[in-house]
Amino acid sequence: MKTTITTAIAPLALLLAGCQPGPAGAATDGTAPPEVAPEVVDELPLDRGYYVRSDESCRDASAAGVQLLRRAGLQWVTSHCLFDRIERIDATTYRVTQSCGDHHGAAPAAAVYEIPDRTSFSFVDDQGWEHAARLCPQPEMPEPWRSEDIGELID
């Protein structure tokens, strides 16, 4: 009789084992759970103002190393990137679709920004260009940036 009960219970145990719930969020059909869509946000979590390339000091910033962060994007002396769409990937990572170019036009591009705090960032764009910068207090900047009125540009 023992053999009959064991033989009958083994297939039932296997059947029931397949009915057990998996970890939270796991798909029950063996496939990976669907990816959660990134959250679209209005702006990057950065303080606005002058940012200087990480390898330059604020006091010795060059025209090539300075950019002005506005709500709408980054502006260099001869070019700009306007933020078209900002998606938060995780706590410090953002995917930005942006229109970048010189004063003659803009080409669509994308970049992944790492933002560890409100005053620094780095990014890699879809062309492989890497850039890192930090906020510099305007009084510490060289001329002409030190005395330029940017209040209306960054508010």
N, C-alpha and C. Protein backbone atom coordinates (compact mmCIF):
# COMPACT_ATOMS: atom_id res chain seq x y z
N MET A 1 0.81 -1.19 0.00
CA MET A 1 0.00 0.00 0.00
C MET A 1 0.86 1.26 0.00
N LYS A 2 2.02 1.21 0.67
CA LYS A 2 2.90 2.36 0.69
C LYS A 2 3.32 2.77 -0.71
N THR A 3 3.62 1.83 -1.54
CA THR A 3 4.05 2.13 -2.90
C THR A 3 2.95 2.82 -3.67
N THR A 4 1.73 2.44 -3.50
CA THR A 4 0.60 3.03 -4.21
C THR A 4 0.41 4.48 -3.79
N ILE A 5 0.49 4.77 -2.49
CA ILE A 5 0.30 6.14 -2.01
C ILE A 5 1.45 7.02 -2.48
N THR A 6 2.68 6.56 -2.34
CA THR A 6 3.84 7.32 -2.78
C THR A 6 3.77 7.57 -4.27
N THR A 7 3.40 6.59 -5.03
CA THR A 7 3.30 6.73 -6.48
C THR A 7 2.22 7.73 -6.84
N ALA A 8 1.14 7.77 -6.10
CA ALA A 8 0.04 8.69 -6.40
C ALA A 8 0.37 10.11 -5.94
N ILE A 9 1.10 10.26 -4.85
CA ILE A 9 1.40 11.58 -4.30
C ILE A 9 2.49 12.29 -5.09
N ALA A 10 3.49 11.61 -5.59
CA ALA A 10 4.61 12.23 -6.30
C ALA A 10 4.15 13.08 -7.48
N PRO A 11 3.30 12.57 -8.40
CA PRO A 11 2.85 13.42 -9.50
C PRO A 11 2.02 14.60 -9.02
N LEU A 12 1.22 14.40 -7.96
CA LEU A 12 0.41 15.49 -7.42
C LEU A 12 1.31 16.57 -6.83
N ALA A 13 2.37 16.19 -6.13
CA ALA A 13 3.31 17.16 -5.56
C ALA A 13 3.99 17.97 -6.66
N LEU A 14 4.37 17.31 -7.74
CA LEU A 14 4.99 18.03 -8.86
C LEU A 14 4.01 19.01 -9.49
N LEU A 15 2.77 18.61 -9.63
CA LEU A 15 1.75 19.47 -10.20
C LEU A 15 1.52 20.69 -9.32
N LEU A 16 1.42 20.47 -8.00
CA LEU A 16 1.19 21.57 -7.08
C LEU A 16 2.41 22.49 -6.99
N ALA A 17 3.60 21.96 -7.13
CA ALA A 17 4.81 22.79 -7.08
C ALA A 17 4.80 23.83 -8.19
N GLY A 18 4.25 23.50 -9.34
CA GLY A 18 4.17 24.45 -10.45
C GLY A 18 3.14 25.53 -10.22
N CYS A 19 2.27 25.38 -9.23
CA CYS A 19 1.22 26.36 -8.94
C CYS A 19 1.64 27.35 -7.87
N GLN A 20 2.80 27.18 -7.30
CA GLN A 20 3.23 28.07 -6.23
C GLN A 20 3.56 29.43 -6.80
N PRO A 21 3.17 30.49 -6.10
CA PRO A 21 3.49 31.83 -6.60
C PRO A 21 4.99 32.08 -6.56
N GLY A 22 5.49 32.82 -7.54
CA GLY A 22 6.90 33.16 -7.60
C GLY A 22 7.17 34.43 -6.83
N PRO A 23 8.37 34.98 -6.93
CA PRO A 23 8.70 36.22 -6.26
C PRO A 23 7.82 37.35 -6.76
N ALA A 24 7.63 38.36 -5.93
CA ALA A 24 6.80 39.50 -6.32
C ALA A 24 7.30 40.09 -7.62
N GLY A 25 6.40 40.37 -8.53
CA GLY A 25 6.75 40.98 -9.81
C GLY A 25 7.21 39.99 -10.86
N ALA A 26 7.39 38.71 -10.50
CA ALA A 26 7.86 37.73 -11.47
C ALA A 26 6.70 37.29 -12.34
N ALA A 27 6.97 37.05 -13.60
CA ALA A 27 5.96 36.54 -14.51
C ALA A 27 5.74 35.07 -14.21
N THR A 28 4.48 34.61 -14.34
CA THR A 28 4.17 33.23 -14.01
C THR A 28 4.36 32.29 -15.19
N ASP A 29 4.59 32.82 -16.37
CA ASP A 29 4.75 31.95 -17.54
C ASP A 29 6.21 31.68 -17.89
N GLY A 30 7.13 32.06 -17.00
CA GLY A 30 8.55 31.80 -17.23
C GLY A 30 9.27 32.90 -17.99
N THR A 31 8.55 33.91 -18.45
CA THR A 31 9.19 35.02 -19.14
C THR A 31 9.54 36.11 -18.14
N ALA A 32 10.38 37.02 -18.53
CA ALA A 32 10.76 38.13 -17.66
C ALA A 32 9.58 39.08 -17.52
N PRO A 33 9.45 39.73 -16.36
CA PRO A 33 8.36 40.69 -16.20
C PRO A 33 8.56 41.87 -17.15
N PRO A 34 7.48 42.52 -17.55
CA PRO A 34 7.63 43.65 -18.46
C PRO A 34 8.42 44.78 -17.80
N GLU A 35 9.21 45.50 -18.61
CA GLU A 35 9.98 46.62 -18.09
C GLU A 35 9.04 47.77 -17.77
N VAL A 36 9.36 48.48 -16.71
CA VAL A 36 8.58 49.64 -16.32
C VAL A 36 9.07 50.82 -17.16
N ALA A 37 8.14 51.55 -17.74
CA ALA A 37 8.51 52.70 -18.57
C ALA A 37 9.17 53.76 -17.71
N PRO A 38 10.23 54.41 -18.23
CA PRO A 38 10.88 55.47 -17.46
C PRO A 38 9.89 56.61 -17.21
N GLU A 39 10.10 57.30 -16.12
CA GLU A 39 9.26 58.44 -15.76
C GLU A 39 9.72 59.67 -16.54
N VAL A 40 8.80 60.33 -17.23
CA VAL A 40 9.12 61.57 -17.94
C VAL A 40 9.04 62.71 -16.93
N VAL A 41 10.10 63.54 -16.89
CA VAL A 41 10.15 64.67 -15.96
C VAL A 41 10.31 65.96 -16.74
N ASP A 42 10.00 67.09 -16.08
CA ASP A 42 10.04 68.39 -16.74
C ASP A 42 11.44 68.96 -16.89
N GLU A 43 12.32 68.66 -15.94
CA GLU A 43 13.68 69.19 -16.01
C GLU A 43 14.63 68.32 -15.23
N LEU A 44 15.91 68.51 -15.49
CA LEU A 44 16.94 67.77 -14.76
C LEU A 44 17.05 68.34 -13.35
N PRO A 45 17.35 67.50 -12.36
CA PRO A 45 17.45 67.97 -10.97
C PRO A 45 18.79 68.65 -10.70
N LEU A 46 19.03 69.73 -11.40
CA LEU A 46 20.27 70.50 -11.27
C LEU A 46 19.95 71.96 -10.99
N ASP A 47 20.79 72.59 -10.17
CA ASP A 47 20.66 74.03 -9.98
C ASP A 47 21.08 74.72 -11.26
N ARG A 48 20.37 75.75 -11.63
CA ARG A 48 20.69 76.48 -12.87
C ARG A 48 21.82 77.47 -12.63
N GLY A 49 22.56 77.73 -13.69
CA GLY A 49 23.67 78.67 -13.62
C GLY A 49 24.81 78.22 -14.51
N TYR A 50 26.00 78.76 -14.23
CA TYR A 50 27.17 78.42 -15.01
C TYR A 50 27.80 77.12 -14.53
N TYR A 51 28.04 76.23 -15.46
CA TYR A 51 28.75 74.98 -15.19
C TYR A 51 30.06 75.04 -15.94
N VAL A 52 31.09 74.50 -15.31
CA VAL A 52 32.43 74.50 -15.89
C VAL A 52 32.91 73.06 -15.97
N ARG A 53 33.57 72.76 -17.08
CA ARG A 53 34.13 71.42 -17.27
C ARG A 53 34.91 70.99 -16.03
N SER A 54 34.80 69.74 -15.68
CA SER A 54 35.42 69.23 -14.45
C SER A 54 36.93 69.38 -14.40
N ASP A 55 37.59 69.44 -15.55
CA ASP A 55 39.05 69.56 -15.54
C ASP A 55 39.53 71.01 -15.56
N GLU A 56 38.62 71.97 -15.36
CA GLU A 56 38.98 73.39 -15.28
C GLU A 56 38.51 73.94 -13.94
N SER A 57 39.23 74.93 -13.43
CA SER A 57 38.78 75.59 -12.20
C SER A 57 37.76 76.66 -12.56
N CYS A 58 36.95 77.05 -11.60
CA CYS A 58 35.97 78.09 -11.84
C CYS A 58 36.66 79.40 -12.22
N ARG A 59 37.71 79.75 -11.50
CA ARG A 59 38.42 81.02 -11.73
C ARG A 59 39.13 81.08 -13.08
N ASP A 60 39.55 79.92 -13.61
CA ASP A 60 40.29 79.89 -14.87
C ASP A 60 39.48 79.28 -16.01
N ALA A 61 38.17 79.31 -15.88
CA ALA A 61 37.30 78.70 -16.90
C ALA A 61 37.52 79.33 -18.27
N SER A 62 37.50 78.49 -19.30
CA SER A 62 37.66 78.98 -20.68
C SER A 62 36.30 78.99 -21.36
N ALA A 63 36.21 79.70 -22.46
CA ALA A 63 34.96 79.76 -23.22
C ALA A 63 34.51 78.36 -23.64
N ALA A 64 35.46 77.50 -23.97
CA ALA A 64 35.11 76.13 -24.37
C ALA A 64 34.62 75.29 -23.20
N GLY A 65 34.97 75.68 -21.99
CA GLY A 65 34.62 74.88 -20.82
C GLY A 65 33.41 75.35 -20.05
N VAL A 66 32.83 76.48 -20.44
CA VAL A 66 31.69 77.06 -19.71
C VAL A 66 30.40 76.82 -20.49
N GLN A 67 29.39 76.41 -19.75
CA GLN A 67 28.05 76.35 -20.33
C GLN A 67 27.05 76.86 -19.30
N LEU A 68 25.97 77.42 -19.80
CA LEU A 68 24.92 77.94 -18.94
C LEU A 68 23.78 76.94 -18.94
N LEU A 69 23.44 76.44 -17.77
CA LEU A 69 22.30 75.53 -17.66
C LEU A 69 21.05 76.35 -17.41
N ARG A 70 20.13 76.22 -18.35
CA ARG A 70 18.82 76.85 -18.24
C ARG A 70 17.81 75.71 -18.10
N ARG A 71 16.59 76.05 -17.81
CA ARG A 71 15.55 75.01 -17.71
C ARG A 71 15.42 74.27 -19.04
N ALA A 72 15.55 74.97 -20.14
CA ALA A 72 15.33 74.38 -21.47
C ALA A 72 16.54 73.64 -22.02
N GLY A 73 17.73 73.82 -21.43
CA GLY A 73 18.89 73.13 -21.97
C GLY A 73 20.20 73.75 -21.56
N LEU A 74 21.26 73.31 -22.24
CA LEU A 74 22.62 73.81 -22.01
C LEU A 74 23.02 74.73 -23.15
N GLN A 75 23.67 75.82 -22.82
CA GLN A 75 24.11 76.77 -23.83
C GLN A 75 25.61 77.02 -23.67
N TRP A 76 26.36 76.77 -24.75
CA TRP A 76 27.77 77.12 -24.81
C TRP A 76 27.90 78.44 -25.55
N VAL A 77 29.11 78.93 -25.72
CA VAL A 77 29.32 80.19 -26.43
C VAL A 77 28.84 80.08 -27.87
N THR A 78 29.15 78.98 -28.55
CA THR A 78 28.80 78.87 -29.97
C THR A 78 27.80 77.77 -30.29
N SER A 79 27.30 77.07 -29.30
CA SER A 79 26.34 75.99 -29.57
C SER A 79 25.38 75.85 -28.40
N HIS A 80 24.45 74.93 -28.55
CA HIS A 80 23.44 74.71 -27.52
C HIS A 80 22.86 73.30 -27.62
N CYS A 81 22.23 72.86 -26.56
CA CYS A 81 21.42 71.65 -26.56
C CYS A 81 20.12 71.98 -25.86
N LEU A 82 19.02 71.88 -26.59
CA LEU A 82 17.70 72.09 -26.00
C LEU A 82 17.12 70.73 -25.62
N PHE A 83 16.63 70.62 -24.40
CA PHE A 83 16.08 69.36 -23.91
C PHE A 83 14.68 69.18 -24.47
N ASP A 84 14.49 68.17 -25.30
CA ASP A 84 13.18 67.87 -25.87
C ASP A 84 12.37 66.95 -24.97
N ARG A 85 13.04 65.97 -24.37
CA ARG A 85 12.37 64.99 -23.50
C ARG A 85 13.38 64.49 -22.48
N ILE A 86 12.95 64.41 -21.22
CA ILE A 86 13.82 63.93 -20.14
C ILE A 86 13.12 62.77 -19.45
N GLU A 87 13.82 61.64 -19.39
CA GLU A 87 13.26 60.44 -18.75
C GLU A 87 14.17 60.03 -17.60
N ARG A 88 13.59 59.85 -16.43
CA ARG A 88 14.38 59.38 -15.28
C ARG A 88 14.44 57.86 -15.36
N ILE A 89 15.66 57.32 -15.45
CA ILE A 89 15.89 55.88 -15.51
C ILE A 89 15.98 55.29 -14.11
N ASP A 90 16.72 55.97 -13.24
CA ASP A 90 16.80 55.58 -11.83
C ASP A 90 17.11 56.84 -11.03
N ALA A 91 17.51 56.68 -9.79
CA ALA A 91 17.68 57.83 -8.89
C ALA A 91 18.65 58.89 -9.41
N THR A 92 19.67 58.48 -10.17
CA THR A 92 20.68 59.45 -10.62
C THR A 92 20.91 59.45 -12.12
N THR A 93 20.16 58.65 -12.87
CA THR A 93 20.39 58.50 -14.30
C THR A 93 19.18 59.00 -15.10
N TYR A 94 19.47 59.79 -16.12
CA TYR A 94 18.42 60.37 -16.97
C TYR A 94 18.80 60.20 -18.43
N ARG A 95 17.82 59.84 -19.23
CA ARG A 95 18.01 59.79 -20.69
C ARG A 95 17.36 61.05 -21.25
N VAL A 96 18.16 61.83 -21.99
CA VAL A 96 17.69 63.11 -22.50
C VAL A 96 17.72 63.08 -24.02
N THR A 97 16.57 63.32 -24.62
CA THR A 97 16.51 63.54 -26.05
C THR A 97 16.64 65.03 -26.23
N GLN A 98 17.59 65.44 -27.04
CA GLN A 98 17.89 66.87 -27.14
C GLN A 98 18.21 67.25 -28.58
N SER A 99 17.97 68.50 -28.87
CA SER A 99 18.32 69.07 -30.17
C SER A 99 19.56 69.91 -29.94
N CYS A 100 20.67 69.48 -30.51
CA CYS A 100 21.95 70.17 -30.30
C CYS A 100 22.46 70.70 -31.63
N GLY A 101 23.16 71.81 -31.57
CA GLY A 101 23.76 72.35 -32.77
C GLY A 101 24.41 73.69 -32.51
N ASP A 102 24.87 74.28 -33.58
CA ASP A 102 25.43 75.61 -33.47
C ASP A 102 24.33 76.60 -33.82
N HIS A 103 24.68 77.83 -34.07
CA HIS A 103 23.68 78.85 -34.37
C HIS A 103 23.05 78.66 -35.75
N HIS A 104 23.49 77.68 -36.50
CA HIS A 104 22.96 77.44 -37.85
C HIS A 104 21.91 76.33 -37.87
N GLY A 105 21.63 75.72 -36.76
CA GLY A 105 20.63 74.67 -36.75
C GLY A 105 20.91 73.64 -35.67
N ALA A 106 19.97 72.73 -35.50
CA ALA A 106 20.11 71.72 -34.46
C ALA A 106 19.80 70.34 -35.02
N ALA A 107 20.55 69.38 -34.59
CA ALA A 107 20.33 67.99 -35.00
C ALA A 107 19.85 67.20 -33.79
N PRO A 108 18.87 66.31 -33.95
CA PRO A 108 18.41 65.51 -32.81
C PRO A 108 19.52 64.59 -32.29
N ALA A 109 19.55 64.43 -31.00
CA ALA A 109 20.56 63.58 -30.37
C ALA A 109 19.99 63.05 -29.07
N ALA A 110 20.70 62.14 -28.45
CA ALA A 110 20.32 61.63 -27.14
C ALA A 110 21.56 61.52 -26.29
N ALA A 111 21.37 61.64 -24.99
CA ALA A 111 22.48 61.53 -24.05
C ALA A 111 21.97 60.91 -22.77
N VAL A 112 22.85 60.18 -22.08
CA VAL A 112 22.54 59.64 -20.78
C VAL A 112 23.32 60.46 -19.76
N TYR A 113 22.59 61.11 -18.88
CA TYR A 113 23.17 61.96 -17.85
C TYR A 113 23.23 61.21 -16.53
N GLU A 114 24.36 61.33 -15.84
CA GLU A 114 24.50 60.87 -14.46
C GLU A 114 24.55 62.13 -13.60
N ILE A 115 23.65 62.22 -12.63
CA ILE A 115 23.55 63.41 -11.79
C ILE A 115 23.62 62.98 -10.33
N PRO A 116 24.84 63.00 -9.74
CA PRO A 116 24.99 62.53 -8.36
C PRO A 116 24.45 63.51 -7.33
N ASP A 117 24.36 64.80 -7.69
CA ASP A 117 23.85 65.82 -6.77
C ASP A 117 23.35 66.99 -7.61
N ARG A 118 22.86 68.04 -6.97
CA ARG A 118 22.24 69.16 -7.69
C ARG A 118 23.25 70.09 -8.36
N THR A 119 24.55 69.85 -8.18
CA THR A 119 25.54 70.78 -8.70
C THR A 119 26.59 70.14 -9.60
N SER A 120 26.38 68.91 -10.03
CA SER A 120 27.34 68.30 -10.95
C SER A 120 26.65 67.25 -11.81
N PHE A 121 27.23 67.03 -12.97
CA PHE A 121 26.67 66.03 -13.88
C PHE A 121 27.76 65.55 -14.83
N SER A 122 27.49 64.43 -15.45
CA SER A 122 28.29 63.95 -16.57
C SER A 122 27.32 63.34 -17.55
N PHE A 123 27.72 63.29 -18.80
CA PHE A 123 26.88 62.62 -19.79
C PHE A 123 27.72 62.01 -20.89
N VAL A 124 27.11 61.05 -21.56
CA VAL A 124 27.66 60.45 -22.77
C VAL A 124 26.54 60.54 -23.79
N ASP A 125 26.84 61.16 -24.95
CA ASP A 125 25.79 61.25 -25.96
C ASP A 125 25.85 60.08 -26.92
N ASP A 126 24.90 60.01 -27.83
CA ASP A 126 24.81 58.86 -28.73
C ASP A 126 25.92 58.82 -29.76
N GLN A 127 26.75 59.85 -29.83
CA GLN A 127 27.93 59.86 -30.69
C GLN A 127 29.19 59.47 -29.93
N GLY A 128 29.04 59.22 -28.61
CA GLY A 128 30.18 58.82 -27.79
C GLY A 128 30.90 59.97 -27.11
N TRP A 129 30.41 61.22 -27.29
CA TRP A 129 31.05 62.36 -26.66
C TRP A 129 30.72 62.35 -25.17
N GLU A 130 31.76 62.45 -24.35
CA GLU A 130 31.60 62.47 -22.90
C GLU A 130 31.91 63.85 -22.37
N HIS A 131 31.15 64.25 -21.36
CA HIS A 131 31.32 65.57 -20.78
C HIS A 131 30.97 65.51 -19.31
N ALA A 132 31.72 66.19 -18.47
CA ALA A 132 31.44 66.28 -17.04
C ALA A 132 31.66 67.73 -16.61
N ALA A 133 30.78 68.23 -15.75
CA ALA A 133 30.88 69.62 -15.31
C ALA A 133 30.28 69.78 -13.92
N ARG A 134 30.61 70.90 -13.30
CA ARG A 134 30.06 71.22 -12.00
C ARG A 134 29.68 72.69 -11.98
N LEU A 135 28.73 73.04 -11.11
CA LEU A 135 28.25 74.40 -10.97
C LEU A 135 29.35 75.26 -10.35
N CYS A 136 29.53 76.44 -10.90
CA CYS A 136 30.48 77.40 -10.33
C CYS A 136 29.72 78.64 -9.89
N PRO A 137 29.95 79.11 -8.67
CA PRO A 137 29.31 80.36 -8.24
C PRO A 137 29.76 81.50 -9.16
N GLN A 138 28.83 82.31 -9.60
CA GLN A 138 29.15 83.35 -10.57
C GLN A 138 30.25 84.30 -10.09
N PRO A 139 30.31 84.69 -8.81
CA PRO A 139 31.40 85.58 -8.38
C PRO A 139 32.79 84.96 -8.51
N GLU A 140 32.87 83.64 -8.63
CA GLU A 140 34.16 82.97 -8.78
C GLU A 140 34.56 82.79 -10.24
N MET A 141 33.71 83.19 -11.16
CA MET A 141 33.99 83.03 -12.59
C MET A 141 34.84 84.19 -13.11
N PRO A 142 35.60 83.97 -14.18
CA PRO A 142 36.33 85.09 -14.79
C PRO A 142 35.34 85.95 -15.61
N GLU A 143 35.80 87.10 -16.01
CA GLU A 143 34.99 87.94 -16.91
C GLU A 143 34.95 87.25 -18.26
N PRO A 144 33.90 87.36 -19.02
CA PRO A 144 32.72 88.21 -18.86
C PRO A 144 31.62 87.56 -18.03
N TRP A 145 31.78 86.30 -17.62
CA TRP A 145 30.71 85.58 -16.93
C TRP A 145 30.43 86.11 -15.54
N ARG A 146 31.47 86.60 -14.86
CA ARG A 146 31.30 87.07 -13.49
C ARG A 146 30.30 88.22 -13.41
N SER A 147 30.33 89.13 -14.36
CA SER A 147 29.46 90.32 -14.28
C SER A 147 28.23 90.25 -15.18
N GLU A 148 28.06 89.17 -15.90
CA GLU A 148 26.90 89.04 -16.80
C GLU A 148 25.62 88.81 -15.99
N ASP A 149 24.55 89.51 -16.35
CA ASP A 149 23.27 89.34 -15.66
C ASP A 149 22.53 88.15 -16.30
N ILE A 150 22.47 87.03 -15.57
CA ILE A 150 21.82 85.84 -16.11
C ILE A 150 20.51 85.52 -15.38
N GLY A 151 20.07 86.42 -14.51
CA GLY A 151 18.88 86.18 -13.71
C GLY A 151 17.67 85.78 -14.52
N GLU A 152 17.38 86.49 -15.58
CA GLU A 152 16.21 86.18 -16.41
C GLU A 152 16.41 84.89 -17.20
N LEU A 153 17.65 84.52 -17.48
CA LEU A 153 17.93 83.32 -18.25
C LEU A 153 17.75 82.04 -17.44
N ILE A 154 17.97 82.11 -16.13
CA ILE A 154 17.93 80.90 -15.32
C ILE A 154 16.70 80.79 -14.43
N ASP A 155 15.88 81.82 -14.36
CA ASP A 155 14.65 81.75 -13.53
C ASP A 155 13.54 81.03 -14.23
